[in-house]
Amino acid sequence: MQRGLWGMLLAAWLGCGLVAPSMAAEPANLDGLLAGIEQGCAGNPTLTTLLQSLGTVSGQPPTVVPATQATLPPHLAESVGVPLRVAVNEDMFLLGVPVEGRWQGLNVTAITRTVSLSSPAGEFAIEVDGKPAEVEKILTHRLLFTAARVASADGQWEKRLASFVDGINGESTTAVVCPVPF
């Protein structure tokens, strides 16, 4: 996706009935949930399960069915809200959950992924407070990012790092965007 598109998608998502999670006294520590992103956007089994649990493509003609509840470890359940689906166009959908947690010292506000009816490929994003340049500097200082091998539009393989793009509040939030790890 191009720069700024994640911001537009997430803003549309927020405008469609975002239900905030019921929060504990302190934001949850999401370092374990988001471990592995620095290693080629690989994620880990818990993150993969969460991303897959946000919705499925099924039926003929295919349609995207959003989840009613995200699959998470019990200690994170109170930090994640109700999943939501937003149509980007007739082929692509944004699935996500609002989050109140911290990852590498940054406030996380949402975890989302794109789903296409015509392609199994997609992207996921971690929405965090902070300007893209600041977030990239913080995360690349704390984590050693390596490239993921992803298929490009022409079917060739390419290496790609996480991208840091404007989030839902423009320059005040950042979407850390990766190809889906499954």
C-alpha atoms as a PDB file:
ATOM      1  CA  MET A   1       0.000   0.000   0.000  1.00  0.00           C
ATOM      2  CA  GLN A   2       1.193   3.497  -0.619  1.00  0.00           C
ATOM      3  CA  ARG A   3       2.105   6.058   2.011  1.00  0.00           C
ATOM      4  CA  GLY A   4      -0.983   7.622   3.593  1.00  0.00           C
ATOM      5  CA  LEU A   5      -3.387   4.872   2.509  1.00  0.00           C
ATOM      6  CA  TRP A   6      -3.080   3.144   5.896  1.00  0.00           C
ATOM      7  CA  GLY A   7      -3.993   6.419   7.534  1.00  0.00           C
ATOM      8  CA  MET A   8      -7.099   6.783   5.378  1.00  0.00           C
ATOM      9  CA  LEU A   9      -8.086   3.170   5.978  1.00  0.00           C
ATOM     10  CA  LEU A  10      -7.630   3.426   9.719  1.00  0.00           C
ATOM     11  CA  ALA A  11      -9.508   6.729   9.859  1.00  0.00           C
ATOM     12  CA  ALA A  12     -12.428   5.109   8.021  1.00  0.00           C
ATOM     13  CA  TRP A  13     -12.215   2.206  10.431  1.00  0.00           C
ATOM     14  CA  LEU A  14     -12.377   4.499  13.440  1.00  0.00           C
ATOM     15  CA  GLY A  15     -15.393   6.277  11.985  1.00  0.00           C
ATOM     16  CA  CYS A  16     -17.301   3.006  11.684  1.00  0.00           C
ATOM     17  CA  GLY A  17     -18.007   2.279  15.322  1.00  0.00           C
ATOM     18  CA  LEU A  18     -14.716   1.524  17.003  1.00  0.00           C
ATOM     19  CA  VAL A  19     -15.412   0.010  20.395  1.00  0.00           C
ATOM     20  CA  ALA A  20     -12.654   0.766  22.874  1.00  0.00           C
ATOM     21  CA  PRO A  21     -11.377  -2.091  24.992  1.00  0.00           C
ATOM     22  CA  SER A  22     -12.209  -2.140  28.681  1.00  0.00           C
ATOM     23  CA  MET A  23      -8.879  -1.241  30.164  1.00  0.00           C
ATOM     24  CA  ALA A  24      -7.000  -2.413  33.178  1.00  0.00           C
ATOM     25  CA  ALA A  25      -5.162   0.168  35.304  1.00  0.00           C
ATOM     26  CA  GLU A  26      -2.073   0.056  33.061  1.00  0.00           C
ATOM     27  CA  PRO A  27      -1.718  -0.637  29.337  1.00  0.00           C
ATOM     28  CA  ALA A  28      -0.726  -4.224  28.575  1.00  0.00           C
ATOM     29  CA  ASN A  29       2.857  -5.087  27.664  1.00  0.00           C
ATOM     30  CA  LEU A  30       2.675  -6.165  23.998  1.00  0.00           C
ATOM     31  CA  ASP A  31       6.398  -6.915  23.540  1.00  0.00           C
ATOM     32  CA  GLY A  32       5.710 -10.672  23.575  1.00  0.00           C
ATOM     33  CA  LEU A  33       2.717 -10.426  21.216  1.00  0.00           C
ATOM     34  CA  LEU A  34       4.683  -8.344  18.716  1.00  0.00           C
ATOM     35  CA  ALA A  35       7.999 -10.197  19.057  1.00  0.00           C
ATOM     36  CA  GLY A  36       9.517 -11.168  15.721  1.00  0.00           C
ATOM     37  CA  ILE A  37       8.359  -8.175  13.707  1.00  0.00           C
ATOM     38  CA  GLU A  38      11.937  -6.969  13.564  1.00  0.00           C
ATOM     39  CA  GLN A  39      12.904 -10.308  11.970  1.00  0.00           C
ATOM     40  CA  GLY A  40      11.491  -9.817   8.504  1.00  0.00           C
ATOM     41  CA  CYS A  41       8.019  -8.957   9.798  1.00  0.00           C
ATOM     42  CA  ALA A  42       7.735 -12.619  10.770  1.00  0.00           C
ATOM     43  CA  GLY A  43       5.687 -12.141  13.884  1.00  0.00           C
ATOM     44  CA  ASN A  44       5.155 -15.188  16.077  1.00  0.00           C
ATOM     45  CA  PRO A  45       2.457 -17.845  16.508  1.00  0.00           C
ATOM     46  CA  THR A  46       0.399 -15.697  18.928  1.00  0.00           C
ATOM     47  CA  LEU A  47       0.401 -12.665  16.596  1.00  0.00           C
ATOM     48  CA  THR A  48      -0.363 -14.878  13.596  1.00  0.00           C
ATOM     49  CA  THR A  49      -3.319 -16.406  15.484  1.00  0.00           C
ATOM     50  CA  LEU A  50      -4.602 -12.916  16.364  1.00  0.00           C
ATOM     51  CA  LEU A  51      -4.297 -11.673  12.766  1.00  0.00           C
ATOM     52  CA  GLN A  52      -6.009 -14.787  11.387  1.00  0.00           C
ATOM     53  CA  SER A  53      -8.777 -14.535  13.995  1.00  0.00           C
ATOM     54  CA  LEU A  54      -9.813 -11.060  12.799  1.00  0.00           C
ATOM     55  CA  GLY A  55     -11.829 -12.540   9.930  1.00  0.00           C
ATOM     56  CA  THR A  56     -11.966 -15.019   7.086  1.00  0.00           C
ATOM     57  CA  VAL A  57     -12.773 -15.170   3.397  1.00  0.00           C
ATOM     58  CA  SER A  58     -15.436 -17.771   2.642  1.00  0.00           C
ATOM     59  CA  GLY A  59     -18.308 -18.727   0.345  1.00  0.00           C
ATOM     60  CA  GLN A  60     -19.075 -18.337  -3.337  1.00  0.00           C
ATOM     61  CA  PRO A  61     -18.923 -15.595  -4.325  1.00  0.00           C
ATOM     62  CA  PRO A  62     -16.259 -14.985  -1.697  1.00  0.00           C
ATOM     63  CA  THR A  63     -17.000 -12.571   1.123  1.00  0.00           C
ATOM     64  CA  VAL A  64     -15.068 -11.389   4.170  1.00  0.00           C
ATOM     65  CA  VAL A  65     -16.588 -12.479   7.456  1.00  0.00           C
ATOM     66  CA  PRO A  66     -15.325 -10.459  10.445  1.00  0.00           C
ATOM     67  CA  ALA A  67     -14.742 -12.064  13.815  1.00  0.00           C
ATOM     68  CA  THR A  68     -16.923 -11.340  16.818  1.00  0.00           C
ATOM     69  CA  GLN A  69     -13.942 -11.712  19.139  1.00  0.00           C
ATOM     70  CA  ALA A  70     -10.182 -11.758  18.580  1.00  0.00           C
ATOM     71  CA  THR A  71      -8.147 -14.778  19.694  1.00  0.00           C
ATOM     72  CA  LEU A  72      -5.626 -13.689  22.316  1.00  0.00           C
ATOM     73  CA  PRO A  73      -3.881 -15.006  25.400  1.00  0.00           C
ATOM     74  CA  PRO A  74      -6.121 -14.417  28.467  1.00  0.00           C
ATOM     75  CA  HIS A  75      -3.752 -11.840  29.987  1.00  0.00           C
ATOM     76  CA  LEU A  76      -4.304  -9.556  26.947  1.00  0.00           C
ATOM     77  CA  ALA A  77      -8.095  -9.979  26.618  1.00  0.00           C
ATOM     78  CA  GLU A  78      -8.961  -6.770  28.503  1.00  0.00           C
ATOM     79  CA  SER A  79      -6.555  -4.724  26.370  1.00  0.00           C
ATOM     80  CA  VAL A  80      -8.200  -5.472  23.025  1.00  0.00           C
ATOM     81  CA  GLY A  81     -11.594  -4.261  21.822  1.00  0.00           C
ATOM     82  CA  VAL A  82     -14.202  -5.709  19.468  1.00  0.00           C
ATOM     83  CA  PRO A  83     -13.024  -6.621  15.923  1.00  0.00           C
ATOM     84  CA  LEU A  84     -14.342  -4.511  13.057  1.00  0.00           C
ATOM     85  CA  ARG A  85     -14.421  -4.827   9.259  1.00  0.00           C
ATOM     86  CA  VAL A  86     -14.305  -1.874   6.851  1.00  0.00           C
ATOM     87  CA  ALA A  87     -14.692  -2.226   3.080  1.00  0.00           C
ATOM     88  CA  VAL A  88     -11.907  -0.413   1.247  1.00  0.00           C
ATOM     89  CA  ASN A  89     -13.389  -1.321  -2.133  1.00  0.00           C
ATOM     90  CA  GLU A  90     -15.284  -4.304  -3.566  1.00  0.00           C
ATOM     91  CA  ASP A  91     -12.162  -6.492  -3.301  1.00  0.00           C
ATOM     92  CA  MET A  92     -10.258  -5.296  -0.208  1.00  0.00           C
ATOM     93  CA  PHE A  93     -11.225  -5.053   3.446  1.00  0.00           C
ATOM     94  CA  LEU A  94      -9.552  -3.786   6.594  1.00  0.00           C
ATOM     95  CA  LEU A  95      -9.999  -5.972   9.679  1.00  0.00           C
ATOM     96  CA  GLY A  96      -8.778  -4.804  13.048  1.00  0.00           C
ATOM     97  CA  VAL A  97      -9.090  -4.321  16.768  1.00  0.00           C
ATOM     98  CA  PRO A  98      -8.498  -1.306  18.977  1.00  0.00           C
ATOM     99  CA  VAL A  99      -5.731  -1.934  21.484  1.00  0.00           C
ATOM    100  CA  GLU A 100      -4.435  -0.272  24.608  1.00  0.00           C
ATOM    101  CA  GLY A 101      -0.921  -1.484  25.206  1.00  0.00           C
ATOM    102  CA  ARG A 102       2.767  -0.724  24.956  1.00  0.00           C
ATOM    103  CA  TRP A 103       5.350  -2.147  22.564  1.00  0.00           C
ATOM    104  CA  GLN A 104       9.007  -1.235  22.950  1.00  0.00           C
ATOM    105  CA  GLY A 105       7.901   1.747  25.054  1.00  0.00           C
ATOM    106  CA  LEU A 106       5.423   3.068  22.441  1.00  0.00           C
ATOM    107  CA  ASN A 107       1.646   3.326  22.962  1.00  0.00           C
ATOM    108  CA  VAL A 108      -0.221   0.937  20.623  1.00  0.00           C
ATOM    109  CA  THR A 109      -3.762   1.960  19.652  1.00  0.00           C
ATOM    110  CA  ALA A 110      -4.775  -0.670  17.054  1.00  0.00           C
ATOM    111  CA  ILE A 111      -3.728  -3.827  15.224  1.00  0.00           C
ATOM    112  CA  THR A 112      -5.170  -4.288  11.736  1.00  0.00           C
ATOM    113  CA  ARG A 113      -4.731  -6.334   8.571  1.00  0.00           C
ATOM    114  CA  THR A 114      -5.937  -6.114   4.998  1.00  0.00           C
ATOM    115  CA  VAL A 115      -7.803  -8.969   3.324  1.00  0.00           C
ATOM    116  CA  SER A 116      -8.394  -9.277  -0.415  1.00  0.00           C
ATOM    117  CA  LEU A 117     -11.058 -11.432  -2.044  1.00  0.00           C
ATOM    118  CA  SER A 118      -8.771 -12.039  -5.029  1.00  0.00           C
ATOM    119  CA  SER A 119      -5.362 -12.552  -3.411  1.00  0.00           C
ATOM    120  CA  PRO A 120      -4.072 -14.391  -0.347  1.00  0.00           C
ATOM    121  CA  ALA A 121      -1.387 -11.719   0.182  1.00  0.00           C
ATOM    122  CA  GLY A 122      -2.035  -8.849   2.533  1.00  0.00           C
ATOM    123  CA  GLU A 123      -0.502  -6.494   5.047  1.00  0.00           C
ATOM    124  CA  PHE A 124      -0.900  -5.900   8.744  1.00  0.00           C
ATOM    125  CA  ALA A 125      -0.251  -2.763  10.743  1.00  0.00           C
ATOM    126  CA  ILE A 126       0.483  -1.823  14.318  1.00  0.00           C
ATOM    127  CA  GLU A 127      -0.838   1.668  15.030  1.00  0.00           C
ATOM    128  CA  VAL A 128       1.331   3.566  17.541  1.00  0.00           C
ATOM    129  CA  ASP A 129       1.474   7.091  18.923  1.00  0.00           C
ATOM    130  CA  GLY A 130       4.279   9.188  17.442  1.00  0.00           C
ATOM    131  CA  LYS A 131       5.391  10.668  14.154  1.00  0.00           C
ATOM    132  CA  PRO A 132       6.663   8.165  11.549  1.00  0.00           C
ATOM    133  CA  ALA A 133      10.266   9.431  11.623  1.00  0.00           C
ATOM    134  CA  GLU A 134      10.334   9.333  15.446  1.00  0.00           C
ATOM    135  CA  VAL A 135       8.778   5.856  15.642  1.00  0.00           C
ATOM    136  CA  GLU A 136      11.169   4.497  13.008  1.00  0.00           C
ATOM    137  CA  LYS A 137      14.139   5.951  14.890  1.00  0.00           C
ATOM    138  CA  ILE A 138      12.961   4.492  18.232  1.00  0.00           C
ATOM    139  CA  LEU A 139      12.211   1.049  16.843  1.00  0.00           C
ATOM    140  CA  THR A 140      15.299   0.734  14.649  1.00  0.00           C
ATOM    141  CA  HIS A 141      17.423   1.836  17.619  1.00  0.00           C
ATOM    142  CA  ARG A 142      15.847  -0.807  19.900  1.00  0.00           C
ATOM    143  CA  LEU A 143      15.305  -3.573  17.340  1.00  0.00           C
ATOM    144  CA  LEU A 144      17.459  -4.759  14.449  1.00  0.00           C
ATOM    145  CA  PHE A 145      15.038  -4.958  11.530  1.00  0.00           C
ATOM    146  CA  THR A 146      15.698  -7.528   8.806  1.00  0.00           C
ATOM    147  CA  ALA A 147      13.930  -7.788   5.474  1.00  0.00           C
ATOM    148  CA  ALA A 148      11.050 -10.144   4.714  1.00  0.00           C
ATOM    149  CA  ARG A 149      10.843 -12.007   1.411  1.00  0.00           C
ATOM    150  CA  VAL A 150       7.487 -11.177  -0.163  1.00  0.00           C
ATOM    151  CA  ALA A 151       6.016 -11.718  -3.601  1.00  0.00           C
ATOM    152  CA  SER A 152       5.730  -8.550  -5.659  1.00  0.00           C
ATOM    153  CA  ALA A 153       2.952  -7.738  -8.136  1.00  0.00           C
ATOM    154  CA  ASP A 154       4.869  -9.347 -11.008  1.00  0.00           C
ATOM    155  CA  GLY A 155       5.326 -12.623  -9.099  1.00  0.00           C
ATOM    156  CA  GLN A 156       9.000 -12.044  -8.334  1.00  0.00           C
ATOM    157  CA  TRP A 157      10.335 -12.232  -4.787  1.00  0.00           C
ATOM    158  CA  GLU A 158      11.645  -9.104  -3.129  1.00  0.00           C
ATOM    159  CA  LYS A 159      12.964  -8.197   0.302  1.00  0.00           C
ATOM    160  CA  ARG A 160      11.006  -5.684   2.318  1.00  0.00           C
ATOM    161  CA  LEU A 161      11.377  -4.139   5.753  1.00  0.00           C
ATOM    162  CA  ALA A 162       8.524  -2.845   7.847  1.00  0.00           C
ATOM    163  CA  SER A 163       7.368   0.558   6.588  1.00  0.00           C
ATOM    164  CA  PHE A 164       6.531   3.457   8.850  1.00  0.00           C
ATOM    165  CA  VAL A 165       3.653   5.537   7.443  1.00  0.00           C
ATOM    166  CA  ASP A 166       1.222   8.173   8.655  1.00  0.00           C
ATOM    167  CA  GLY A 167      -1.437   6.664  10.881  1.00  0.00           C
ATOM    168  CA  ILE A 168      -4.999   7.606  11.730  1.00  0.00           C
ATOM    169  CA  ASN A 169      -4.115  11.026  13.090  1.00  0.00           C
ATOM    170  CA  GLY A 170      -1.772  12.003  10.286  1.00  0.00           C
ATOM    171  CA  GLU A 171       1.678  12.855  11.538  1.00  0.00           C
ATOM    172  CA  SER A 172       0.821  12.244  15.221  1.00  0.00           C
ATOM    173  CA  THR A 173       0.478   8.466  14.824  1.00  0.00           C
ATOM    174  CA  THR A 174       2.312   5.852  12.795  1.00  0.00           C
ATOM    175  CA  ALA A 175       1.250   2.591  11.206  1.00  0.00           C
ATOM    176  CA  VAL A 176       4.116   0.077  11.272  1.00  0.00           C
ATOM    177  CA  VAL A 177       3.156  -1.935   8.169  1.00  0.00           C
ATOM    178  CA  CYS A 178       4.352  -5.454   7.275  1.00  0.00           C
ATOM    179  CA  PRO A 179       3.282  -8.220   4.895  1.00  0.00           C
ATOM    180  CA  VAL A 180       1.144 -10.808   6.688  1.00  0.00           C
ATOM    181  CA  PRO A 181       3.324 -13.593   8.160  1.00  0.00           C
ATOM    182  CA  PHE A 182       1.141 -16.430   6.814  1.00  0.00           C
END
